[in-house]
């Protein structure tokens, strides 16, 4: 079976490198954040996790390029499960390219019914959750996506199990999570903002494998 396409391309500035790493399969990894500027001027802070041995010489303020995959895993804390999203680089390093770039090409299968709604300003939005399969690694990544306007109306009619391929950008969004009592915690959500739906096929997942 062929792996679903999952390709991220970023050009931006290293905004922060986490001081503490973690070990996985005997290798030490570090998390850092790349800032990419939108047309509006807002900056998305995107998490990247790489083996520490490949990060020698990298520091905050440097411009870098990253090519890799957008992956997810569940983090369990306080009896609850939370979806964590991060970029795993296959190629990254310093760059002289001045313009920011934030692009993802993603294909997979709809694993929840689409959620269509309108904002108070009548802006049309449709939320999708796409399962992207990597058969070589025996894993699936679950990627939240948002379609807008015309694409939102189109996506509203999709069904669970439909195959979809999109191109878009990864964006970050800070929100307030209410905890117990009056306690509020600032958190960051990550989602793919769909620029274009390239392909859509109805039918079950088995029809396309």
C-alpha atoms as a PDB file:
ATOM      1  CA  UNK A   1       0.000   0.000   0.000  1.00  0.00           C
ATOM      2  CA  UNK A   2       1.205   3.500  -0.824  1.00  0.00           C
ATOM      3  CA  UNK A   3       1.820   6.012   1.977  1.00  0.00           C
ATOM      4  CA  UNK A   4      -0.425   9.059   2.004  1.00  0.00           C
ATOM      5  CA  UNK A   5       1.418  12.214   0.954  1.00  0.00           C
ATOM      6  CA  UNK A   6       2.419  14.409   3.877  1.00  0.00           C
ATOM      7  CA  UNK A   7       4.938  17.075   2.918  1.00  0.00           C
ATOM      8  CA  UNK A   8       5.760  20.254   4.826  1.00  0.00           C
ATOM      9  CA  UNK A   9       7.970  23.060   3.459  1.00  0.00           C
ATOM     10  CA  UNK A  10       8.934  25.942   5.753  1.00  0.00           C
ATOM     11  CA  UNK A  11      11.191  28.976   5.457  1.00  0.00           C
ATOM     12  CA  UNK A  12      11.294  31.162   8.535  1.00  0.00           C
ATOM     13  CA  UNK A  13      13.153  32.325  11.623  1.00  0.00           C
ATOM     14  CA  UNK A  14      14.028  30.247  14.683  1.00  0.00           C
ATOM     15  CA  UNK A  15      12.134  32.013  17.459  1.00  0.00           C
ATOM     16  CA  UNK A  16      12.900  29.704  20.371  1.00  0.00           C
ATOM     17  CA  UNK A  17      14.857  26.540  21.166  1.00  0.00           C
ATOM     18  CA  UNK A  18      13.657  24.577  24.173  1.00  0.00           C
ATOM     19  CA  UNK A  19      16.505  24.020  26.668  1.00  0.00           C
ATOM     20  CA  UNK A  20      15.395  20.534  27.692  1.00  0.00           C
ATOM     21  CA  UNK A  21      15.400  17.596  25.323  1.00  0.00           C
ATOM     22  CA  UNK A  22      14.012  14.099  25.511  1.00  0.00           C
ATOM     23  CA  UNK A  23      15.209  10.658  24.502  1.00  0.00           C
ATOM     24  CA  UNK A  24      13.547   8.368  21.989  1.00  0.00           C
ATOM     25  CA  UNK A  25      15.005   5.092  20.693  1.00  0.00           C
ATOM     26  CA  UNK A  26      18.338   6.006  22.263  1.00  0.00           C
ATOM     27  CA  UNK A  27      18.608   9.395  20.531  1.00  0.00           C
ATOM     28  CA  UNK A  28      18.172  12.824  22.114  1.00  0.00           C
ATOM     29  CA  UNK A  29      15.658  15.185  20.523  1.00  0.00           C
ATOM     30  CA  UNK A  30      15.073  18.929  20.938  1.00  0.00           C
ATOM     31  CA  UNK A  31      12.026  21.050  20.154  1.00  0.00           C
ATOM     32  CA  UNK A  32      12.311  24.464  18.537  1.00  0.00           C
ATOM     33  CA  UNK A  33       9.851  26.924  17.059  1.00  0.00           C
ATOM     34  CA  UNK A  34       9.958  28.531  13.617  1.00  0.00           C
ATOM     35  CA  UNK A  35       8.165  31.818  12.993  1.00  0.00           C
ATOM     36  CA  UNK A  36       6.555  32.241   9.566  1.00  0.00           C
ATOM     37  CA  UNK A  37       4.803  35.458   8.616  1.00  0.00           C
ATOM     38  CA  UNK A  38       1.360  35.505   6.993  1.00  0.00           C
ATOM     39  CA  UNK A  39       0.299  38.011   4.337  1.00  0.00           C
ATOM     40  CA  UNK A  40      -1.612  39.808   7.114  1.00  0.00           C
ATOM     41  CA  UNK A  41       1.632  40.278   9.030  1.00  0.00           C
ATOM     42  CA  UNK A  42       0.684  37.876  11.835  1.00  0.00           C
ATOM     43  CA  UNK A  43       3.328  35.302  12.701  1.00  0.00           C
ATOM     44  CA  UNK A  44       2.674  31.593  13.209  1.00  0.00           C
ATOM     45  CA  UNK A  45       4.971  29.823  15.685  1.00  0.00           C
ATOM     46  CA  UNK A  46       5.344  26.235  14.507  1.00  0.00           C
ATOM     47  CA  UNK A  47       6.890  23.414  16.570  1.00  0.00           C
ATOM     48  CA  UNK A  48       9.688  21.329  15.031  1.00  0.00           C
ATOM     49  CA  UNK A  49      11.307  18.325  16.729  1.00  0.00           C
ATOM     50  CA  UNK A  50      14.725  17.113  15.536  1.00  0.00           C
ATOM     51  CA  UNK A  51      17.598  14.983  16.760  1.00  0.00           C
ATOM     52  CA  UNK A  52      19.945  17.154  18.784  1.00  0.00           C
ATOM     53  CA  UNK A  53      23.024  15.972  16.867  1.00  0.00           C
ATOM     54  CA  UNK A  54      21.697  17.707  13.726  1.00  0.00           C
ATOM     55  CA  UNK A  55      21.105  21.028  15.497  1.00  0.00           C
ATOM     56  CA  UNK A  56      24.730  22.032  16.088  1.00  0.00           C
ATOM     57  CA  UNK A  57      25.242  25.733  15.375  1.00  0.00           C
ATOM     58  CA  UNK A  58      21.543  26.587  15.148  1.00  0.00           C
ATOM     59  CA  UNK A  59      20.342  29.431  17.357  1.00  0.00           C
ATOM     60  CA  UNK A  60      17.422  31.798  17.789  1.00  0.00           C
ATOM     61  CA  UNK A  61      17.230  34.526  15.140  1.00  0.00           C
ATOM     62  CA  UNK A  62      18.655  32.407  12.321  1.00  0.00           C
ATOM     63  CA  UNK A  63      16.721  31.865   9.114  1.00  0.00           C
ATOM     64  CA  UNK A  64      16.211  28.185   8.342  1.00  0.00           C
ATOM     65  CA  UNK A  65      14.462  25.930   5.874  1.00  0.00           C
ATOM     66  CA  UNK A  66      12.653  22.757   6.876  1.00  0.00           C
ATOM     67  CA  UNK A  67      11.201  19.948   4.784  1.00  0.00           C
ATOM     68  CA  UNK A  68       9.472  17.070   6.494  1.00  0.00           C
ATOM     69  CA  UNK A  69       6.219  15.578   7.789  1.00  0.00           C
ATOM     70  CA  UNK A  70       3.431  16.865  10.026  1.00  0.00           C
ATOM     71  CA  UNK A  71       2.829  14.269  12.728  1.00  0.00           C
ATOM     72  CA  UNK A  72       0.536  13.803  15.713  1.00  0.00           C
ATOM     73  CA  UNK A  73       0.449  11.819  18.926  1.00  0.00           C
ATOM     74  CA  UNK A  74      -1.738  11.710  22.027  1.00  0.00           C
ATOM     75  CA  UNK A  75      -0.382  13.076  25.285  1.00  0.00           C
ATOM     76  CA  UNK A  76      -2.085  11.784  28.414  1.00  0.00           C
ATOM     77  CA  UNK A  77      -2.192  14.055  31.452  1.00  0.00           C
ATOM     78  CA  UNK A  78      -4.571  14.319  34.413  1.00  0.00           C
ATOM     79  CA  UNK A  79      -6.654  11.471  33.058  1.00  0.00           C
ATOM     80  CA  UNK A  80      -7.272  13.251  29.750  1.00  0.00           C
ATOM     81  CA  UNK A  81      -5.872  12.802  26.255  1.00  0.00           C
ATOM     82  CA  UNK A  82      -4.582  15.756  24.230  1.00  0.00           C
ATOM     83  CA  UNK A  83      -3.598  15.762  20.550  1.00  0.00           C
ATOM     84  CA  UNK A  84      -0.044  17.059  20.033  1.00  0.00           C
ATOM     85  CA  UNK A  85       1.069  18.178  16.562  1.00  0.00           C
ATOM     86  CA  UNK A  86       4.643  18.823  15.446  1.00  0.00           C
ATOM     87  CA  UNK A  87       6.851  18.856  12.367  1.00  0.00           C
ATOM     88  CA  UNK A  88       9.445  16.122  11.930  1.00  0.00           C
ATOM     89  CA  UNK A  89      12.183  17.382   9.575  1.00  0.00           C
ATOM     90  CA  UNK A  90      13.771  15.177   6.955  1.00  0.00           C
ATOM     91  CA  UNK A  91      15.912  18.073   5.672  1.00  0.00           C
ATOM     92  CA  UNK A  92      16.700  21.316   7.493  1.00  0.00           C
ATOM     93  CA  UNK A  93      19.424  23.901   7.780  1.00  0.00           C
ATOM     94  CA  UNK A  94      20.329  27.566   7.460  1.00  0.00           C
ATOM     95  CA  UNK A  95      19.081  29.552   4.464  1.00  0.00           C
ATOM     96  CA  UNK A  96      19.612  32.970   2.880  1.00  0.00           C
ATOM     97  CA  UNK A  97      16.086  33.021   1.466  1.00  0.00           C
ATOM     98  CA  UNK A  98      14.434  36.176   2.793  1.00  0.00           C
ATOM     99  CA  UNK A  99      10.766  35.433   2.100  1.00  0.00           C
ATOM    100  CA  UNK A 100       8.893  33.213   4.512  1.00  0.00           C
ATOM    101  CA  UNK A 101       7.189  30.064   3.258  1.00  0.00           C
ATOM    102  CA  UNK A 102       4.654  27.834   4.992  1.00  0.00           C
ATOM    103  CA  UNK A 103       3.206  25.112   2.790  1.00  0.00           C
ATOM    104  CA  UNK A 104       1.800  21.647   3.385  1.00  0.00           C
ATOM    105  CA  UNK A 105       0.514  19.079   0.908  1.00  0.00           C
ATOM    106  CA  UNK A 106      -1.576  16.511   2.738  1.00  0.00           C
ATOM    107  CA  UNK A 107      -3.727  13.579   1.701  1.00  0.00           C
ATOM    108  CA  UNK A 108      -5.669  11.042   3.688  1.00  0.00           C
ATOM    109  CA  UNK A 109      -9.114   9.982   4.823  1.00  0.00           C
ATOM    110  CA  UNK A 110     -11.803  11.872   6.655  1.00  0.00           C
ATOM    111  CA  UNK A 111     -12.143  10.244  10.081  1.00  0.00           C
ATOM    112  CA  UNK A 112     -14.883  12.451  11.569  1.00  0.00           C
ATOM    113  CA  UNK A 113     -17.970  14.110  10.075  1.00  0.00           C
ATOM    114  CA  UNK A 114     -17.157  17.645   8.850  1.00  0.00           C
ATOM    115  CA  UNK A 115     -18.319  20.527  11.037  1.00  0.00           C
ATOM    116  CA  UNK A 116     -19.660  23.467   9.004  1.00  0.00           C
ATOM    117  CA  UNK A 117     -20.510  26.796  10.617  1.00  0.00           C
ATOM    118  CA  UNK A 118     -20.642  30.532  10.108  1.00  0.00           C
ATOM    119  CA  UNK A 119     -18.994  33.103  12.323  1.00  0.00           C
ATOM    120  CA  UNK A 120     -20.750  36.200  13.640  1.00  0.00           C
ATOM    121  CA  UNK A 121     -19.420  38.023  10.583  1.00  0.00           C
ATOM    122  CA  UNK A 122     -20.944  35.361   8.272  1.00  0.00           C
ATOM    123  CA  UNK A 123     -17.548  33.882   7.464  1.00  0.00           C
ATOM    124  CA  UNK A 124     -17.992  30.267   6.337  1.00  0.00           C
ATOM    125  CA  UNK A 125     -15.787  27.643   8.000  1.00  0.00           C
ATOM    126  CA  UNK A 126     -15.666  23.857   7.811  1.00  0.00           C
ATOM    127  CA  UNK A 127     -13.533  21.810  10.207  1.00  0.00           C
ATOM    128  CA  UNK A 128     -12.073  18.486   9.027  1.00  0.00           C
ATOM    129  CA  UNK A 129      -9.972  15.805  10.704  1.00  0.00           C
ATOM    130  CA  UNK A 130      -7.817  13.947   8.184  1.00  0.00           C
ATOM    131  CA  UNK A 131      -6.059  10.648   8.965  1.00  0.00           C
ATOM    132  CA  UNK A 132      -2.789  10.429   7.043  1.00  0.00           C
ATOM    133  CA  UNK A 133      -1.385   6.881   6.904  1.00  0.00           C
ATOM    134  CA  UNK A 134       2.289   5.916   6.898  1.00  0.00           C
ATOM    135  CA  UNK A 135       2.251   2.182   6.222  1.00  0.00           C
ATOM    136  CA  UNK A 136       6.051   1.876   6.466  1.00  0.00           C
ATOM    137  CA  UNK A 137       5.952   3.041  10.090  1.00  0.00           C
ATOM    138  CA  UNK A 138       2.581   1.402  10.842  1.00  0.00           C
ATOM    139  CA  UNK A 139       1.098   4.672  12.047  1.00  0.00           C
ATOM    140  CA  UNK A 140      -1.570   7.247  11.246  1.00  0.00           C
ATOM    141  CA  UNK A 141      -1.349  10.975  11.930  1.00  0.00           C
ATOM    142  CA  UNK A 142      -4.561  12.849  12.674  1.00  0.00           C
ATOM    143  CA  UNK A 143      -4.427  16.393  11.327  1.00  0.00           C
ATOM    144  CA  UNK A 144      -7.071  19.062  12.091  1.00  0.00           C
ATOM    145  CA  UNK A 145      -7.832  21.196   9.031  1.00  0.00           C
ATOM    146  CA  UNK A 146     -10.041  24.218   8.330  1.00  0.00           C
ATOM    147  CA  UNK A 147     -11.608  25.092   4.972  1.00  0.00           C
ATOM    148  CA  UNK A 148     -12.987  28.547   4.165  1.00  0.00           C
ATOM    149  CA  UNK A 149     -15.751  29.990   1.994  1.00  0.00           C
ATOM    150  CA  UNK A 150     -16.165  27.993  -1.261  1.00  0.00           C
ATOM    151  CA  UNK A 151     -13.975  25.145  -0.003  1.00  0.00           C
ATOM    152  CA  UNK A 152     -15.952  25.133   3.262  1.00  0.00           C
ATOM    153  CA  UNK A 153     -19.237  24.637   1.381  1.00  0.00           C
ATOM    154  CA  UNK A 154     -17.646  21.848  -0.653  1.00  0.00           C
ATOM    155  CA  UNK A 155     -16.128  20.117   2.368  1.00  0.00           C
ATOM    156  CA  UNK A 156     -19.418  20.261   4.292  1.00  0.00           C
ATOM    157  CA  UNK A 157     -20.736  17.470   2.043  1.00  0.00           C
ATOM    158  CA  UNK A 158     -17.802  15.098   2.611  1.00  0.00           C
ATOM    159  CA  UNK A 159     -18.402  11.789   4.387  1.00  0.00           C
ATOM    160  CA  UNK A 160     -16.331   9.779   6.850  1.00  0.00           C
ATOM    161  CA  UNK A 161     -13.981   7.538   4.860  1.00  0.00           C
ATOM    162  CA  UNK A 162     -13.737   9.898   1.868  1.00  0.00           C
ATOM    163  CA  UNK A 163     -10.272  10.438   0.411  1.00  0.00           C
ATOM    164  CA  UNK A 164      -9.122  14.059   0.255  1.00  0.00           C
ATOM    165  CA  UNK A 165      -5.951  15.833  -0.843  1.00  0.00           C
ATOM    166  CA  UNK A 166      -5.331  19.455   0.095  1.00  0.00           C
ATOM    167  CA  UNK A 167      -2.688  22.148  -0.084  1.00  0.00           C
ATOM    168  CA  UNK A 168      -2.500  24.802   2.602  1.00  0.00           C
ATOM    169  CA  UNK A 169      -0.472  26.241   5.456  1.00  0.00           C
ATOM    170  CA  UNK A 170       0.004  25.332   9.113  1.00  0.00           C
ATOM    171  CA  UNK A 171      -1.223  28.016  11.459  1.00  0.00           C
ATOM    172  CA  UNK A 172      -1.052  28.551  15.209  1.00  0.00           C
ATOM    173  CA  UNK A 173      -3.768  30.026  17.386  1.00  0.00           C
ATOM    174  CA  UNK A 174      -3.566  31.002  21.069  1.00  0.00           C
ATOM    175  CA  UNK A 175      -6.690  30.381  23.143  1.00  0.00           C
ATOM    176  CA  UNK A 176      -7.767  30.269  26.782  1.00  0.00           C
ATOM    177  CA  UNK A 177      -8.458  26.849  28.288  1.00  0.00           C
ATOM    178  CA  UNK A 178     -10.676  27.000  31.360  1.00  0.00           C
ATOM    179  CA  UNK A 179      -9.479  24.682  34.095  1.00  0.00           C
ATOM    180  CA  UNK A 180     -10.999  24.165  37.520  1.00  0.00           C
ATOM    181  CA  UNK A 181     -12.719  27.119  39.187  1.00  0.00           C
ATOM    182  CA  UNK A 182     -11.479  30.470  37.885  1.00  0.00           C
ATOM    183  CA  UNK A 183      -8.176  29.039  36.666  1.00  0.00           C
ATOM    184  CA  UNK A 184      -7.425  29.712  32.997  1.00  0.00           C
ATOM    185  CA  UNK A 185      -4.451  28.451  30.991  1.00  0.00           C
ATOM    186  CA  UNK A 186      -3.149  29.875  27.728  1.00  0.00           C
ATOM    187  CA  UNK A 187      -2.672  27.173  25.114  1.00  0.00           C
ATOM    188  CA  UNK A 188      -1.750  27.059  21.442  1.00  0.00           C
ATOM    189  CA  UNK A 189      -3.771  25.148  18.872  1.00  0.00           C
ATOM    190  CA  UNK A 190      -2.346  24.110  15.514  1.00  0.00           C
ATOM    191  CA  UNK A 191      -4.382  23.446  12.387  1.00  0.00           C
ATOM    192  CA  UNK A 192      -3.974  23.344   8.633  1.00  0.00           C
ATOM    193  CA  UNK A 193      -5.642  26.244   6.859  1.00  0.00           C
ATOM    194  CA  UNK A 194      -6.762  24.786   3.537  1.00  0.00           C
ATOM    195  CA  UNK A 195      -5.944  26.946   0.538  1.00  0.00           C
ATOM    196  CA  UNK A 196      -7.223  24.512  -2.061  1.00  0.00           C
ATOM    197  CA  UNK A 197      -8.853  21.096  -2.172  1.00  0.00           C
ATOM    198  CA  UNK A 198      -6.907  19.331  -4.916  1.00  0.00           C
ATOM    199  CA  UNK A 199      -8.748  16.020  -4.936  1.00  0.00           C
ATOM    200  CA  UNK A 200     -11.776  14.377  -3.338  1.00  0.00           C
ATOM    201  CA  UNK A 201     -13.046  10.831  -3.817  1.00  0.00           C
ATOM    202  CA  UNK A 202     -16.090   9.364  -2.142  1.00  0.00           C
ATOM    203  CA  UNK A 203     -16.020   5.859  -0.720  1.00  0.00           C
ATOM    204  CA  UNK A 204     -14.495   3.869   2.078  1.00  0.00           C
ATOM    205  CA  UNK A 205     -10.798   3.810   2.893  1.00  0.00           C
ATOM    206  CA  UNK A 206     -10.533   0.245   1.576  1.00  0.00           C
ATOM    207  CA  UNK A 207     -11.598   1.443  -1.871  1.00  0.00           C
ATOM    208  CA  UNK A 208      -8.405   3.517  -2.187  1.00  0.00           C
ATOM    209  CA  UNK A 209      -5.751   1.205  -0.666  1.00  0.00           C
END
